[in-house]
Amino acid sequence: MKALLQSCKKSILKTSFVSVFFSATIFVSMILCSCATNEFHRTPEQFAGKVLVGNFSLRNMDFDPFLVSDFKDILGLEFFKSGYEVKCESSKVGEEFNGEKISRLCQKFNCDYYVGGVISSGEMGFLLDREMQSRVSFKIFSSLGKKLGEASYSVDKSFADRAVQRDCAEAFVSEFKSKMGSPRK
């Protein structure tokens, strides 16, 4: 009986040591492999223009109540990084705006451009052969409510991924700046 108890103690000690070693290895791996970024951008001496990031409708089957507001924040940061003064308009998600309402909002916020649009995503395919597709359509208006242009961004990933949102915002702002220029030259 005593030999059996000694054998059990050794077995438990070995198992505990392996468990602790394995847990420590996972913890160290998580610390070494985790990634984080931090950015800081200063207000420029002179803005390239004023942009009102307006309403974006969300068309998907997932419940993500913060997707639109997170994307608007990311888009606003990209405009700011490119030298634009940014205002974010907070309307109900999905609310449609016409030229007259956009003109009033731009006057209220003293903005040169209004940017809004639609975010849509969904899965395509059958059973195991399914693919995620996301698309953002942008509409660009002048401060007078006149439609100046449209753009779109498509990707075969979920738009809930913040890296996808950032890539979309970077691509759009880059194109916006090259096509629209600066009203303050």
Protein backbone atom coordinates (compact mmCIF):
# COMPACT_ATOMS: atom_id res chain seq x y z
CA MET A 1 0.00 0.00 0.00
CA LYS A 2 2.85 2.35 0.89
CA ALA A 3 4.54 1.66 -2.46
CA LEU A 4 1.31 2.45 -4.26
CA LEU A 5 1.02 5.80 -2.45
CA GLN A 6 4.65 6.67 -3.30
CA SER A 7 4.02 5.79 -6.95
CA CYS A 8 0.90 7.98 -7.02
CA LYS A 9 2.78 10.94 -5.46
CA LYS A 10 5.54 10.69 -8.08
CA SER A 11 2.98 10.46 -10.86
CA ILE A 12 1.09 13.50 -9.55
CA LEU A 13 4.31 15.50 -9.20
CA LYS A 14 5.35 14.64 -12.76
CA THR A 15 1.91 15.55 -14.08
CA SER A 16 1.90 18.83 -12.13
CA PHE A 17 5.38 19.72 -13.40
CA VAL A 18 4.39 19.00 -17.02
CA SER A 19 1.17 20.98 -16.58
CA VAL A 20 2.98 23.99 -15.09
CA PHE A 21 5.71 23.83 -17.75
CA PHE A 22 3.12 23.59 -20.53
CA SER A 23 1.11 26.51 -19.10
CA ALA A 24 4.22 28.66 -18.73
CA THR A 25 5.26 27.87 -22.31
CA ILE A 26 1.86 28.92 -23.64
CA PHE A 27 1.93 32.13 -21.57
CA VAL A 28 5.41 33.11 -22.82
CA SER A 29 4.39 32.29 -26.41
CA MET A 30 1.32 34.50 -26.12
CA ILE A 31 3.38 37.40 -24.84
CA LEU A 32 6.03 37.05 -27.54
CA CYS A 33 3.56 36.54 -30.39
CA SER A 34 0.99 39.16 -29.47
CA CYS A 35 1.02 42.31 -31.58
CA ALA A 36 -0.11 45.80 -30.78
CA THR A 37 0.22 49.12 -32.51
CA ASN A 38 -0.03 52.67 -31.36
CA GLU A 39 -0.18 55.75 -33.57
CA PHE A 40 -0.12 59.41 -32.75
CA HIS A 41 -0.84 62.16 -35.26
CA ARG A 42 -0.65 65.92 -34.67
CA THR A 43 -3.03 68.52 -35.95
CA PRO A 44 -1.49 70.08 -39.07
CA GLU A 45 -0.79 73.81 -39.26
CA GLN A 46 -3.31 74.11 -42.09
CA PHE A 47 -5.97 71.57 -43.01
CA ALA A 48 -6.38 70.35 -46.58
CA GLY A 49 -10.13 70.66 -46.18
CA LYS A 50 -13.00 69.78 -43.86
CA VAL A 51 -14.73 66.43 -44.20
CA LEU A 52 -17.96 65.39 -42.55
CA VAL A 53 -18.03 61.60 -42.13
CA GLY A 54 -21.73 60.98 -42.33
CA ASN A 55 -24.15 58.12 -42.34
CA PHE A 56 -23.21 54.58 -43.34
CA SER A 57 -25.93 51.96 -43.71
CA LEU A 58 -25.12 48.41 -42.60
CA ARG A 59 -26.43 45.55 -44.69
CA ASN A 60 -25.48 42.17 -43.25
CA MET A 61 -26.99 39.34 -41.27
CA ASP A 62 -24.59 39.59 -38.31
CA PHE A 63 -25.33 41.59 -35.20
CA ASP A 64 -22.46 44.00 -34.68
CA PRO A 65 -23.86 47.22 -33.19
CA PHE A 66 -20.47 48.98 -33.23
CA LEU A 67 -19.27 48.11 -36.73
CA VAL A 68 -20.49 51.34 -38.34
CA SER A 69 -19.28 53.64 -35.55
CA ASP A 70 -15.90 51.86 -35.42
CA PHE A 71 -15.49 52.21 -39.18
CA LYS A 72 -16.44 55.89 -39.07
CA ASP A 73 -13.77 56.44 -36.40
CA ILE A 74 -11.16 54.60 -38.49
CA LEU A 75 -12.17 56.56 -41.61
CA GLY A 76 -12.00 59.83 -39.67
CA LEU A 77 -8.50 58.99 -38.44
CA GLU A 78 -7.34 58.26 -42.00
CA PHE A 79 -8.70 61.63 -43.19
CA PHE A 80 -6.99 63.34 -40.24
CA LYS A 81 -3.69 61.60 -41.03
CA SER A 82 -3.99 62.94 -44.58
CA GLY A 83 -4.36 66.52 -43.39
CA TYR A 84 -8.14 66.96 -43.34
CA GLU A 85 -10.17 68.36 -40.49
CA VAL A 86 -12.77 65.74 -39.65
CA LYS A 87 -16.21 65.90 -38.10
CA CYS A 88 -18.32 62.81 -37.50
CA GLU A 89 -22.06 63.11 -37.83
CA SER A 90 -24.08 60.76 -35.63
CA SER A 91 -27.37 59.84 -37.19
CA LYS A 92 -29.34 56.65 -36.94
CA VAL A 93 -27.68 53.82 -38.85
CA GLY A 94 -29.45 53.34 -42.17
CA GLU A 95 -31.01 56.81 -42.32
CA GLU A 96 -31.01 58.01 -45.93
CA PHE A 97 -29.92 61.57 -46.69
CA ASN A 98 -30.82 63.73 -49.65
CA GLY A 99 -28.87 66.69 -51.04
CA GLU A 100 -30.83 69.24 -49.01
CA LYS A 101 -30.19 67.50 -45.69
CA ILE A 102 -26.51 67.01 -46.55
CA SER A 103 -26.22 70.70 -47.41
CA ARG A 104 -27.73 71.66 -44.02
CA LEU A 105 -25.37 69.28 -42.18
CA CYS A 106 -22.33 70.67 -44.02
CA GLN A 107 -23.38 74.22 -43.13
CA LYS A 108 -23.95 73.22 -39.52
CA PHE A 109 -20.50 71.60 -39.25
CA ASN A 110 -18.82 74.05 -41.68
CA CYS A 111 -17.50 71.26 -43.93
CA ASP A 112 -16.36 71.11 -47.55
CA TYR A 113 -17.25 67.45 -48.18
CA TYR A 114 -19.75 64.90 -46.92
CA VAL A 115 -18.82 61.21 -47.13
CA GLY A 116 -21.37 58.47 -46.46
CA GLY A 117 -22.26 55.10 -47.87
CA VAL A 118 -23.21 51.47 -47.39
CA ILE A 119 -21.34 48.60 -45.74
CA SER A 120 -22.49 45.16 -46.83
CA SER A 121 -21.13 41.70 -46.20
CA GLY A 122 -22.26 38.14 -46.48
CA GLU A 123 -21.28 34.56 -47.09
CA MET A 124 -21.53 32.98 -50.51
CA GLY A 125 -21.36 29.32 -51.47
CA PHE A 126 -22.65 26.01 -50.20
CA LEU A 127 -21.80 24.21 -46.94
CA LEU A 128 -18.02 23.76 -46.74
CA ASP A 129 -17.30 25.81 -49.85
CA ARG A 130 -18.35 29.15 -48.36
CA GLU A 131 -16.58 32.47 -48.85
CA MET A 132 -16.99 35.75 -47.00
CA GLN A 133 -17.37 38.84 -49.16
CA SER A 134 -17.56 42.45 -47.98
CA ARG A 135 -18.14 45.67 -49.88
CA VAL A 136 -18.23 49.33 -48.92
CA SER A 137 -19.82 51.85 -51.25
CA PHE A 138 -18.90 55.47 -50.67
CA LYS A 139 -20.86 58.54 -51.78
CA ILE A 140 -19.12 61.91 -51.83
CA PHE A 141 -21.06 65.17 -51.73
CA SER A 142 -20.06 68.84 -51.81
CA SER A 143 -21.04 71.24 -49.04
CA LEU A 144 -23.97 72.29 -51.26
CA GLY A 145 -25.34 68.72 -51.30
CA LYS A 146 -24.27 68.05 -54.90
CA LYS A 147 -23.06 64.51 -55.53
CA LEU A 148 -19.39 64.70 -56.54
CA GLY A 149 -18.53 61.03 -56.88
CA GLU A 150 -18.77 57.45 -55.74
CA ALA A 151 -16.25 54.78 -54.84
CA SER A 152 -16.31 51.18 -53.71
CA TYR A 153 -14.03 48.77 -51.89
CA SER A 154 -14.47 44.99 -52.08
CA VAL A 155 -12.64 42.26 -50.21
CA ASP A 156 -13.01 38.50 -49.67
CA LYS A 157 -12.87 38.83 -45.88
CA SER A 158 -15.21 39.79 -43.08
CA PHE A 159 -15.60 43.55 -42.64
CA ALA A 160 -15.84 42.96 -38.89
CA ASP A 161 -12.04 42.54 -38.99
CA ARG A 162 -10.57 45.90 -37.94
CA ALA A 163 -7.53 45.38 -40.22
CA VAL A 164 -9.92 45.10 -43.19
CA GLN A 165 -11.68 48.30 -42.09
CA ARG A 166 -8.36 50.10 -41.84
CA ASP A 167 -7.22 48.90 -45.27
CA CYS A 168 -10.53 50.07 -46.72
CA ALA A 169 -10.26 53.49 -45.08
CA GLU A 170 -6.63 53.94 -46.18
CA ALA A 171 -7.45 53.00 -49.78
CA PHE A 172 -10.49 55.28 -49.91
CA VAL A 173 -8.78 58.32 -48.38
CA SER A 174 -5.81 57.89 -50.69
CA GLU A 175 -8.11 57.86 -53.74
CA PHE A 176 -10.21 60.70 -52.32
CA LYS A 177 -7.14 62.88 -51.88
CA SER A 178 -5.81 62.13 -55.37
CA LYS A 179 -9.17 62.62 -57.15
CA MET A 180 -10.76 65.39 -55.08
CA GLY A 181 -7.63 67.30 -54.17
CA SER A 182 -7.78 70.04 -51.60
CA PRO A 183 -10.33 72.88 -51.68
CA ARG A 184 -7.90 74.97 -49.63
CA LYS A 185 -5.00 75.37 -52.07
